């Protein structure tokens, strides 16, 4: 809450540079200090400084406004620096010269200059600061009567110098704190970008691996099948066997391409999520029917135990893609004669969909990375190929629908995937955002 307040006052890092944020803070602090100095100089009886500080106070407020809200930082800093130098010269004359706190204020001005001015103006303002100080000291030394001691007594001088010291300490603390906070913020951003870059490189390597191997291999198999069919005379059984293998290779390749293209699209352009009320059984009826045919060809029993009374809030296409990928995965790693059960139960306000198989299971060493690109694709019980994107898609698309996906697996015994969505009755109609565009982070 506190950080958000200061970001709102000084400017948000993406829109304002570090120097601009420090300048905004300096303008605000200057306005506060000048406002207090108006009363201090009134008490000390230095009316010339009172008039000057009222003017400079107004300029500091205007500089903050135009820098923070109009983003005229470069113009404002020129106006601010000119005003500061004029103030310092007049303050030196009417505030007892070297006997007053003016030199301390010049040091503060020098510190602020090296903290906020742009690089192209850097040496100009530093040089100007040094020239003004040397000139004022020379004038006071050569012409002692030019600058008079304006303090009515020694106590006033001590109060003014002590007060000025506190103001300078406050400004230095303000600037250095802003620099340190911004430094840590920028360092975190750099570390985050480095992590994202590392992930992007891993993703790129994974995609190249897919294109170089996992897609080339099935295409080469299809080519070999076609060459055999065209060059050799085969009996009907051999032709039928090759045609089945050819069909399987084509289906697997099509599935891999669909997952690859869909995942790539989701990474680059974002995904449209259309959350609506769904009857779970009816939404998955066609998907399950198609896969029951595929399962029967492999000698696997795919059982639908979904109830017709369950309604959830989800995106139809995404839900079907998730369940399709999980069933494909179960079919891939289940031996002929095995069983896959699709069921659902209700836990609180959620519907938990379960896809359970008694197949090969997931090796323990791969389970931590199963939903990422780090995992290597493995061949199924009939050498079915995959690209390792199916489960990653399932996780990302489930989370885009505010769902959750988990699994349990024992190598050699089987795997159960759990996908949870909100029950439609459990949420408000206002929470169902039809046609909501969800933009994911770019990698």
Protein backbone atom coordinates (compact mmCIF):
# COMPACT_ATOMS: atom_id res chain seq x y z
CA UNK A 1 0.00 0.00 0.00
CA UNK A 2 2.81 2.39 0.97
CA UNK A 3 4.85 1.59 -2.16
CA UNK A 4 1.78 2.05 -4.35
CA UNK A 5 1.15 5.49 -2.80
CA UNK A 6 4.68 6.72 -3.51
CA UNK A 7 4.63 5.30 -7.04
CA UNK A 8 1.43 7.21 -7.66
CA UNK A 9 2.93 10.43 -6.27
CA UNK A 10 6.36 10.20 -7.93
CA UNK A 11 5.49 8.28 -11.12
CA UNK A 12 5.45 4.64 -12.10
CA UNK A 13 8.81 3.11 -13.16
CA UNK A 14 7.71 2.04 -16.68
CA UNK A 15 6.63 5.62 -17.48
CA UNK A 16 9.24 7.64 -15.55
CA UNK A 17 13.01 7.24 -15.46
CA UNK A 18 14.89 7.07 -12.16
CA UNK A 19 16.08 10.68 -12.62
CA UNK A 20 12.52 11.84 -13.31
CA UNK A 21 11.20 10.15 -10.17
CA UNK A 22 13.99 11.68 -8.06
CA UNK A 23 13.25 15.08 -9.61
CA UNK A 24 9.55 14.76 -8.74
CA UNK A 25 10.48 13.86 -5.17
CA UNK A 26 12.91 16.80 -5.04
CA UNK A 27 10.24 19.24 -6.25
CA UNK A 28 7.81 18.04 -3.60
CA UNK A 29 10.44 18.19 -0.85
CA UNK A 30 11.56 21.64 -2.04
CA UNK A 31 7.99 22.91 -1.87
CA UNK A 32 7.64 21.66 1.71
CA UNK A 33 11.00 23.13 2.79
CA UNK A 34 10.34 26.48 1.10
CA UNK A 35 6.93 26.65 2.74
CA UNK A 36 8.58 26.20 6.16
CA UNK A 37 11.35 28.67 5.28
CA UNK A 38 8.78 31.35 4.54
CA UNK A 39 7.76 31.30 8.21
CA UNK A 40 11.36 30.99 9.46
CA UNK A 41 12.57 34.02 7.49
CA UNK A 42 9.51 35.95 8.62
CA UNK A 43 10.51 35.28 12.23
CA UNK A 44 14.12 36.28 11.44
CA UNK A 45 12.86 39.48 9.79
CA UNK A 46 14.44 38.85 6.35
CA UNK A 47 11.54 40.08 4.21
CA UNK A 48 13.46 39.93 0.92
CA UNK A 49 13.91 36.17 1.32
CA UNK A 50 10.25 35.75 2.25
CA UNK A 51 9.14 37.26 -1.06
CA UNK A 52 11.71 35.25 -3.01
CA UNK A 53 10.79 31.96 -1.34
CA UNK A 54 7.07 32.45 -1.98
CA UNK A 55 7.94 32.84 -5.66
CA UNK A 56 10.25 29.83 -5.70
CA UNK A 57 7.64 27.77 -3.80
CA UNK A 58 5.13 28.42 -6.57
CA UNK A 59 7.73 27.49 -9.22
CA UNK A 60 8.58 24.22 -7.40
CA UNK A 61 4.89 23.25 -7.30
CA UNK A 62 4.46 24.04 -11.00
CA UNK A 63 7.62 22.07 -11.91
CA UNK A 64 6.27 19.04 -10.04
CA UNK A 65 2.88 19.31 -11.74
CA UNK A 66 4.26 19.60 -15.27
CA UNK A 67 6.89 16.91 -14.69
CA UNK A 68 4.59 14.35 -13.04
CA UNK A 69 1.34 14.86 -14.93
CA UNK A 70 2.40 16.48 -18.22
CA UNK A 71 5.71 14.57 -18.49
CA UNK A 72 7.64 17.75 -19.36
CA UNK A 73 10.58 16.64 -17.28
CA UNK A 74 13.41 18.06 -19.40
CA UNK A 75 11.83 21.51 -19.54
CA UNK A 76 10.96 21.50 -15.85
CA UNK A 77 14.46 20.59 -14.77
CA UNK A 78 15.92 23.55 -16.68
CA UNK A 79 13.41 25.92 -15.05
CA UNK A 80 14.05 24.35 -11.63
CA UNK A 81 17.84 24.58 -11.90
CA UNK A 82 17.76 28.22 -13.06
CA UNK A 83 15.38 29.09 -10.21
CA UNK A 84 17.57 27.28 -7.66
CA UNK A 85 20.70 29.11 -8.72
CA UNK A 86 18.95 32.48 -8.58
CA UNK A 87 17.62 31.57 -5.12
CA UNK A 88 21.10 30.58 -3.96
CA UNK A 89 22.68 33.81 -5.17
CA UNK A 90 20.02 35.98 -3.49
CA UNK A 91 20.11 33.82 -0.35
CA UNK A 92 23.89 34.23 -0.17
CA UNK A 93 23.55 38.02 -0.33
CA UNK A 94 20.68 38.43 2.12
CA UNK A 95 21.55 35.58 4.45
CA UNK A 96 24.95 36.81 5.69
CA UNK A 97 27.14 35.27 2.95
CA UNK A 98 29.85 32.98 4.27
CA UNK A 99 28.61 33.51 7.83
CA UNK A 100 25.24 31.95 6.96
CA UNK A 101 24.30 28.47 5.70
CA UNK A 102 24.46 29.34 2.00
CA UNK A 103 27.55 27.24 1.27
CA UNK A 104 25.81 24.20 2.77
CA UNK A 105 22.86 24.85 0.45
CA UNK A 106 25.25 25.08 -2.53
CA UNK A 107 26.63 21.66 -1.59
CA UNK A 108 23.06 20.33 -1.53
CA UNK A 109 22.42 21.93 -4.92
CA UNK A 110 25.54 20.21 -6.28
CA UNK A 111 24.33 16.85 -4.91
CA UNK A 112 20.88 17.27 -6.44
CA UNK A 113 22.43 18.31 -9.75
CA UNK A 114 24.45 15.12 -10.14
CA UNK A 115 21.39 13.10 -9.08
CA UNK A 116 18.68 14.39 -11.40
CA UNK A 117 19.97 16.27 -14.44
CA UNK A 118 20.20 14.49 -17.82
CA UNK A 119 23.64 13.41 -19.01
CA UNK A 120 23.78 15.99 -21.79
CA UNK A 121 23.26 18.82 -19.22
CA UNK A 122 25.41 17.25 -16.53
CA UNK A 123 28.64 19.19 -16.83
CA UNK A 124 26.94 22.50 -17.59
CA UNK A 125 25.06 22.64 -14.28
CA UNK A 126 28.01 21.34 -12.24
CA UNK A 127 30.31 23.93 -13.77
CA UNK A 128 27.73 26.67 -13.19
CA UNK A 129 27.43 25.68 -9.53
CA UNK A 130 31.20 25.86 -9.01
CA UNK A 131 31.52 29.17 -10.90
CA UNK A 132 28.75 30.82 -8.84
CA UNK A 133 30.28 29.69 -5.51
CA UNK A 134 33.80 30.83 -6.44
CA UNK A 135 32.48 34.17 -7.76
CA UNK A 136 30.41 34.89 -4.64
CA UNK A 137 33.31 34.01 -2.33
CA UNK A 138 35.66 36.20 -4.36
CA UNK A 139 33.25 39.16 -4.29
CA UNK A 140 32.75 38.85 -0.53
CA UNK A 141 36.51 38.57 0.04
CA UNK A 142 37.49 41.45 -2.24
CA UNK A 143 34.57 43.71 -1.28
CA UNK A 144 33.84 42.90 2.39
CA UNK A 145 31.07 45.50 2.72
CA UNK A 146 29.03 44.13 -0.18
CA UNK A 147 27.45 41.34 1.83
CA UNK A 148 26.26 42.22 5.33
CA UNK A 149 25.54 40.08 8.35
CA UNK A 150 21.74 40.08 8.55
CA UNK A 151 21.37 38.07 11.76
CA UNK A 152 20.00 40.16 14.64
CA UNK A 153 21.97 38.04 17.13
CA UNK A 154 24.23 34.99 17.35
CA UNK A 155 21.32 32.74 18.43
CA UNK A 156 19.48 33.40 15.17
CA UNK A 157 22.58 32.42 13.21
CA UNK A 158 22.92 29.12 15.09
CA UNK A 159 19.21 28.36 14.60
CA UNK A 160 19.43 29.07 10.86
CA UNK A 161 22.57 26.97 10.34
CA UNK A 162 21.20 24.09 12.41
CA UNK A 163 17.87 24.20 10.58
CA UNK A 164 19.64 24.25 7.22
CA UNK A 165 21.74 21.26 8.24
CA UNK A 166 18.58 19.28 9.04
CA UNK A 167 17.07 20.24 5.68
CA UNK A 168 20.18 19.09 3.83
CA UNK A 169 20.24 15.79 5.71
CA UNK A 170 16.56 15.33 4.81
CA UNK A 171 17.20 15.94 1.10
CA UNK A 172 20.20 13.63 0.99
CA UNK A 173 18.21 10.92 2.78
CA UNK A 174 15.31 11.37 0.35
CA UNK A 175 17.48 11.10 -2.77
CA UNK A 176 19.69 8.24 -1.59
CA UNK A 177 16.64 6.28 -0.39
CA UNK A 178 14.99 6.77 -3.79
CA UNK A 179 18.16 5.66 -5.55
CA UNK A 180 18.55 2.56 -3.36
CA UNK A 181 14.89 1.60 -3.74
CA UNK A 182 15.05 2.10 -7.50
CA UNK A 183 18.31 0.17 -7.68
CA UNK A 184 16.73 -2.87 -6.01
CA UNK A 185 13.64 -2.54 -8.19
CA UNK A 186 15.72 -2.35 -11.35
CA UNK A 187 17.84 -5.30 -10.21
CA UNK A 188 14.72 -7.40 -9.67
CA UNK A 189 13.50 -6.44 -13.14
CA UNK A 190 16.85 -7.43 -14.66
CA UNK A 191 16.78 -10.76 -12.81
CA UNK A 192 13.20 -11.34 -13.97
CA UNK A 193 14.12 -10.54 -17.57
CA UNK A 194 17.12 -12.86 -17.34
CA UNK A 195 14.84 -15.65 -16.13
CA UNK A 196 12.37 -14.95 -18.94
CA UNK A 197 15.21 -14.93 -21.46
CA UNK A 198 16.47 -18.25 -20.14
CA UNK A 199 12.96 -19.67 -20.44
CA UNK A 200 12.64 -18.25 -23.96
CA UNK A 201 15.92 -19.88 -24.98
CA UNK A 202 14.80 -23.19 -23.50
CA UNK A 203 11.50 -22.87 -25.36
CA UNK A 204 13.27 -22.10 -28.62
CA UNK A 205 15.60 -25.08 -28.18
CA UNK A 206 12.63 -27.29 -27.41
CA UNK A 207 10.75 -26.15 -30.51
CA UNK A 208 13.80 -26.68 -32.71
CA UNK A 209 14.15 -30.15 -31.21
CA UNK A 210 10.51 -30.83 -32.04
CA UNK A 211 10.90 -29.66 -35.61
CA UNK A 212 14.20 -31.48 -36.06
CA UNK A 213 13.22 -34.82 -34.60
CA UNK A 214 9.73 -35.41 -33.28
CA UNK A 215 7.99 -34.12 -36.40
CA UNK A 216 10.56 -35.37 -38.88
CA UNK A 217 10.44 -38.96 -37.59
CA UNK A 218 6.70 -39.59 -38.16
CA UNK A 219 6.83 -37.85 -41.53
CA UNK A 220 9.71 -40.12 -42.53
CA UNK A 221 7.66 -43.14 -41.42
CA UNK A 222 4.72 -41.98 -43.53
CA UNK A 223 7.04 -41.60 -46.51
CA UNK A 224 8.43 -45.10 -45.96
CA UNK A 225 4.94 -46.61 -45.78
CA UNK A 226 3.94 -44.89 -48.99
CA UNK A 227 7.13 -46.06 -50.76
CA UNK A 228 6.45 -49.66 -49.68
CA UNK A 229 2.88 -49.44 -50.94
CA UNK A 230 3.97 -48.05 -54.31
CA UNK A 231 7.04 -50.27 -54.94
CA UNK A 232 6.04 -53.70 -53.66
CA UNK A 233 3.20 -56.04 -54.37
CA UNK A 234 1.56 -56.82 -51.09
CA UNK A 235 -1.31 -59.07 -50.11
CA UNK A 236 -4.44 -57.61 -48.55
CA UNK A 237 -3.39 -58.36 -44.96
CA UNK A 238 -0.05 -56.60 -45.42
CA UNK A 239 -1.72 -53.63 -47.10
CA UNK A 240 -4.29 -53.43 -44.33
CA UNK A 241 -1.56 -53.53 -41.68
CA UNK A 242 0.48 -50.80 -43.37
CA UNK A 243 -2.61 -48.65 -43.92
CA UNK A 244 -3.43 -48.84 -40.19
CA UNK A 245 0.14 -47.86 -39.30
CA UNK A 246 -0.02 -45.07 -41.85
CA UNK A 247 -3.30 -43.84 -40.38
CA UNK A 248 -1.87 -43.93 -36.84
CA UNK A 249 1.25 -42.00 -37.90
CA UNK A 250 -0.87 -39.42 -39.69
CA UNK A 251 -3.18 -38.97 -36.70
CA UNK A 252 -0.25 -38.65 -34.29
CA UNK A 253 1.47 -36.12 -36.54
CA UNK A 254 -1.73 -34.12 -36.91
CA UNK A 255 -2.17 -34.09 -33.14
CA UNK A 256 1.41 -32.93 -32.60
CA UNK A 257 1.03 -30.14 -35.16
CA UNK A 258 -2.28 -29.01 -33.64
CA UNK A 259 -0.76 -28.82 -30.14
CA UNK A 260 2.36 -27.09 -31.41
CA UNK A 261 0.44 -24.44 -33.37
CA UNK A 262 -2.09 -23.86 -30.60
CA UNK A 263 0.59 -23.47 -27.95
CA UNK A 264 2.64 -21.13 -30.18
CA UNK A 265 -0.45 -19.00 -30.77
CA UNK A 266 -1.18 -18.84 -27.06
CA UNK A 267 2.36 -17.61 -26.37
CA UNK A 268 2.41 -14.93 -29.06
CA UNK A 269 -1.09 -13.51 -29.31
CA UNK A 270 -2.97 -14.45 -26.17
CA UNK A 271 -6.04 -16.65 -25.96
CA UNK A 272 -9.74 -15.76 -26.00
CA UNK A 273 -11.50 -17.45 -23.07
CA UNK A 274 -15.27 -17.72 -23.40
CA UNK A 275 -16.59 -18.80 -19.99
CA UNK A 276 -20.12 -20.21 -20.19
CA UNK A 277 -22.40 -22.64 -18.36
CA UNK A 278 -21.72 -26.21 -19.58
CA UNK A 279 -23.30 -29.60 -19.04
CA UNK A 280 -20.15 -31.62 -18.43
CA UNK A 281 -21.35 -34.93 -19.89
CA UNK A 282 -22.88 -33.40 -23.03
CA UNK A 283 -19.85 -31.17 -23.65
CA UNK A 284 -17.52 -34.19 -23.65
CA UNK A 285 -19.86 -36.67 -25.31
CA UNK A 286 -18.42 -36.37 -28.84
CA UNK A 287 -14.82 -36.32 -27.59
CA UNK A 288 -15.32 -39.47 -25.55
CA UNK A 289 -17.19 -41.27 -28.36
CA UNK A 290 -14.33 -40.65 -30.82
CA UNK A 291 -11.72 -41.83 -28.34
CA UNK A 292 -13.71 -44.94 -27.46
CA UNK A 293 -13.32 -45.98 -31.09
CA UNK A 294 -9.58 -45.27 -31.00
CA UNK A 295 -9.25 -47.13 -27.68
CA UNK A 296 -11.11 -50.17 -29.07
CA UNK A 297 -8.65 -50.36 -31.97
CA UNK A 298 -5.82 -50.60 -29.45
CA UNK A 299 -7.74 -53.11 -27.29
CA UNK A 300 -8.29 -50.67 -24.44
CA UNK A 301 -11.58 -50.16 -22.64
CA UNK A 302 -12.51 -46.47 -22.27
CA UNK A 303 -15.36 -46.07 -19.78
CA UNK A 304 -17.49 -42.93 -19.45
CA UNK A 305 -18.80 -42.52 -15.88
CA UNK A 306 -19.75 -38.84 -16.11
CA UNK A 307 -23.11 -37.83 -14.65
CA UNK A 308 -25.64 -35.85 -16.65
CA UNK A 309 -26.46 -33.58 -13.69
CA UNK A 310 -23.12 -31.75 -13.37
CA UNK A 311 -22.87 -28.19 -14.72
CA UNK A 312 -19.61 -26.25 -14.69
CA UNK A 313 -18.36 -22.87 -15.87
CA UNK A 314 -15.67 -23.29 -18.51
CA UNK A 315 -14.68 -22.64 -22.12
CA UNK A 316 -16.09 -25.43 -24.33
CA UNK A 317 -13.18 -25.65 -26.76
CA UNK A 318 -10.54 -25.48 -24.04
CA UNK A 319 -12.31 -28.09 -21.93
CA UNK A 320 -12.48 -30.48 -24.87
CA UNK A 321 -8.80 -29.87 -25.72
CA UNK A 322 -7.74 -30.58 -22.11
CA UNK A 323 -9.73 -33.82 -21.83
CA UNK A 324 -8.73 -34.88 -25.36
CA UNK A 325 -5.03 -34.47 -24.54
CA UNK A 326 -5.33 -36.30 -21.23
CA UNK A 327 -7.20 -39.23 -22.82
CA UNK A 328 -4.68 -39.34 -25.69
CA UNK A 329 -1.92 -39.44 -23.10
CA UNK A 330 -3.64 -42.30 -21.25
CA UNK A 331 -4.16 -44.22 -24.50
CA UNK A 332 -0.55 -43.70 -25.43
CA UNK A 333 0.83 -45.24 -22.22
CA UNK A 334 -1.74 -47.98 -21.61
CA UNK A 335 -1.12 -51.49 -22.91
CA UNK A 336 -3.74 -53.44 -24.89
CA UNK A 337 -6.20 -54.98 -22.46
CA UNK A 338 -5.92 -51.96 -20.15
CA UNK A 339 -8.67 -49.66 -18.93
CA UNK A 340 -9.24 -45.90 -18.85
CA UNK A 341 -12.04 -44.41 -16.72
CA UNK A 342 -13.36 -40.85 -17.12
CA UNK A 343 -15.42 -39.74 -14.14
CA UNK A 344 -16.21 -36.68 -12.02
CA UNK A 345 -17.14 -35.87 -8.45
CA UNK A 346 -18.11 -32.74 -6.56
CA UNK A 347 -15.90 -31.31 -3.82
CA UNK A 348 -17.38 -28.21 -2.22
CA UNK A 349 -18.02 -25.66 -4.97
CA UNK A 350 -15.81 -27.46 -7.49
CA UNK A 351 -16.23 -30.26 -9.98
CA UNK A 352 -13.21 -32.58 -10.17
CA UNK A 353 -12.84 -34.48 -13.45
CA UNK A 354 -10.71 -37.64 -13.25
CA UNK A 355 -8.97 -39.50 -16.08
CA UNK A 356 -7.63 -42.74 -14.61
CA UNK A 357 -5.60 -45.42 -16.41
CA UNK A 358 -3.77 -48.60 -15.41
CA UNK A 359 -0.91 -48.00 -17.83
CA UNK A 360 2.84 -47.56 -17.49
CA UNK A 361 2.69 -44.62 -15.06
CA UNK A 362 5.09 -41.68 -14.94
CA UNK A 363 8.67 -42.26 -13.71
CA UNK A 364 9.27 -40.48 -10.40
CA UNK A 365 12.22 -38.51 -11.80
CA UNK A 366 9.95 -36.94 -14.47
CA UNK A 367 6.98 -36.05 -12.28
CA UNK A 368 8.23 -32.64 -11.11
CA UNK A 369 8.63 -31.37 -14.68
CA UNK A 370 5.62 -33.07 -16.27
CA UNK A 371 3.81 -29.76 -16.92
CA UNK A 372 6.81 -27.97 -18.45
CA UNK A 373 8.99 -28.04 -21.55
CA UNK A 374 11.80 -29.54 -19.48
CA UNK A 375 10.31 -33.01 -19.72
CA UNK A 376 11.39 -35.16 -22.64
CA UNK A 377 8.76 -36.72 -24.89
CA UNK A 378 8.61 -40.52 -24.69
CA UNK A 379 7.19 -43.17 -26.98
CA UNK A 380 3.96 -44.91 -26.10
CA UNK A 381 3.27 -48.64 -25.81
CA UNK A 382 3.00 -48.83 -29.62
CA UNK A 383 5.77 -46.30 -30.29
CA UNK A 384 3.33 -43.37 -30.52
CA UNK A 385 5.27 -40.11 -30.71
CA UNK A 386 4.59 -36.90 -28.78
CA UNK A 387 6.20 -33.49 -28.43
CA UNK A 388 5.74 -32.89 -24.71
CA UNK A 389 3.33 -30.01 -25.29
CA UNK A 390 0.05 -31.74 -24.48
CA UNK A 391 0.30 -31.57 -20.70
CA UNK A 392 1.76 -28.05 -20.83
CA UNK A 393 -1.28 -26.95 -22.85
CA UNK A 394 -3.58 -28.69 -20.39
CA UNK A 395 -2.05 -26.82 -17.45
CA UNK A 396 -2.04 -23.40 -19.13
CA UNK A 397 -5.58 -23.69 -20.47
CA UNK A 398 -6.91 -25.03 -17.16
CA UNK A 399 -5.42 -22.08 -15.26
CA UNK A 400 -6.78 -19.61 -17.82
CA UNK A 401 -10.25 -20.86 -16.81
CA UNK A 402 -9.42 -20.44 -13.10
CA UNK A 403 -9.18 -24.21 -12.77
CA UNK A 404 -6.56 -26.52 -11.33
CA UNK A 405 -4.84 -29.63 -12.68
CA UNK A 406 -2.94 -32.24 -10.63
CA UNK A 407 -2.05 -35.89 -10.93
CA UNK A 408 -1.09 -39.04 -9.04
CA UNK A 409 1.07 -41.68 -10.63
CA UNK A 410 2.79 -44.89 -9.60
CA UNK A 411 5.23 -46.32 -12.18
CA UNK A 412 3.99 -49.68 -13.43
CA UNK A 413 0.54 -49.21 -11.88
CA UNK A 414 -1.05 -46.25 -13.65
CA UNK A 415 -1.83 -42.55 -13.56
CA UNK A 416 -4.81 -40.42 -12.56
CA UNK A 417 -5.16 -36.79 -13.69
CA UNK A 418 -7.49 -34.46 -11.80
CA UNK A 419 -8.92 -31.32 -13.45
CA UNK A 420 -11.05 -29.04 -11.26
CA UNK A 421 -13.48 -26.32 -12.37
CA UNK A 422 -16.03 -24.20 -10.56
CA UNK A 423 -19.57 -25.55 -10.43
CA UNK A 424 -21.91 -23.22 -12.25
CA UNK A 425 -24.29 -22.98 -9.28
CA UNK A 426 -21.42 -21.94 -7.00
CA UNK A 427 -20.53 -18.67 -8.70
CA UNK A 428 -22.22 -15.44 -9.63
CA UNK A 429 -23.35 -14.65 -13.15
CA UNK A 430 -21.10 -11.56 -12.95
CA UNK A 431 -18.12 -13.90 -12.69
CA UNK A 432 -18.92 -15.45 -16.09
CA UNK A 433 -17.14 -13.13 -18.51
CA UNK A 434 -18.14 -14.15 -21.98
CA UNK A 435 -15.57 -13.38 -24.63
CA UNK A 436 -12.96 -12.26 -22.13
CA UNK A 437 -9.53 -11.77 -23.74
CA UNK A 438 -6.74 -13.18 -21.59
CA UNK A 439 -3.25 -11.92 -22.52
CA UNK A 440 -0.37 -14.01 -21.30
CA UNK A 441 3.20 -12.81 -20.66
CA UNK A 442 5.38 -12.76 -23.71
CA UNK A 443 8.41 -15.01 -23.69
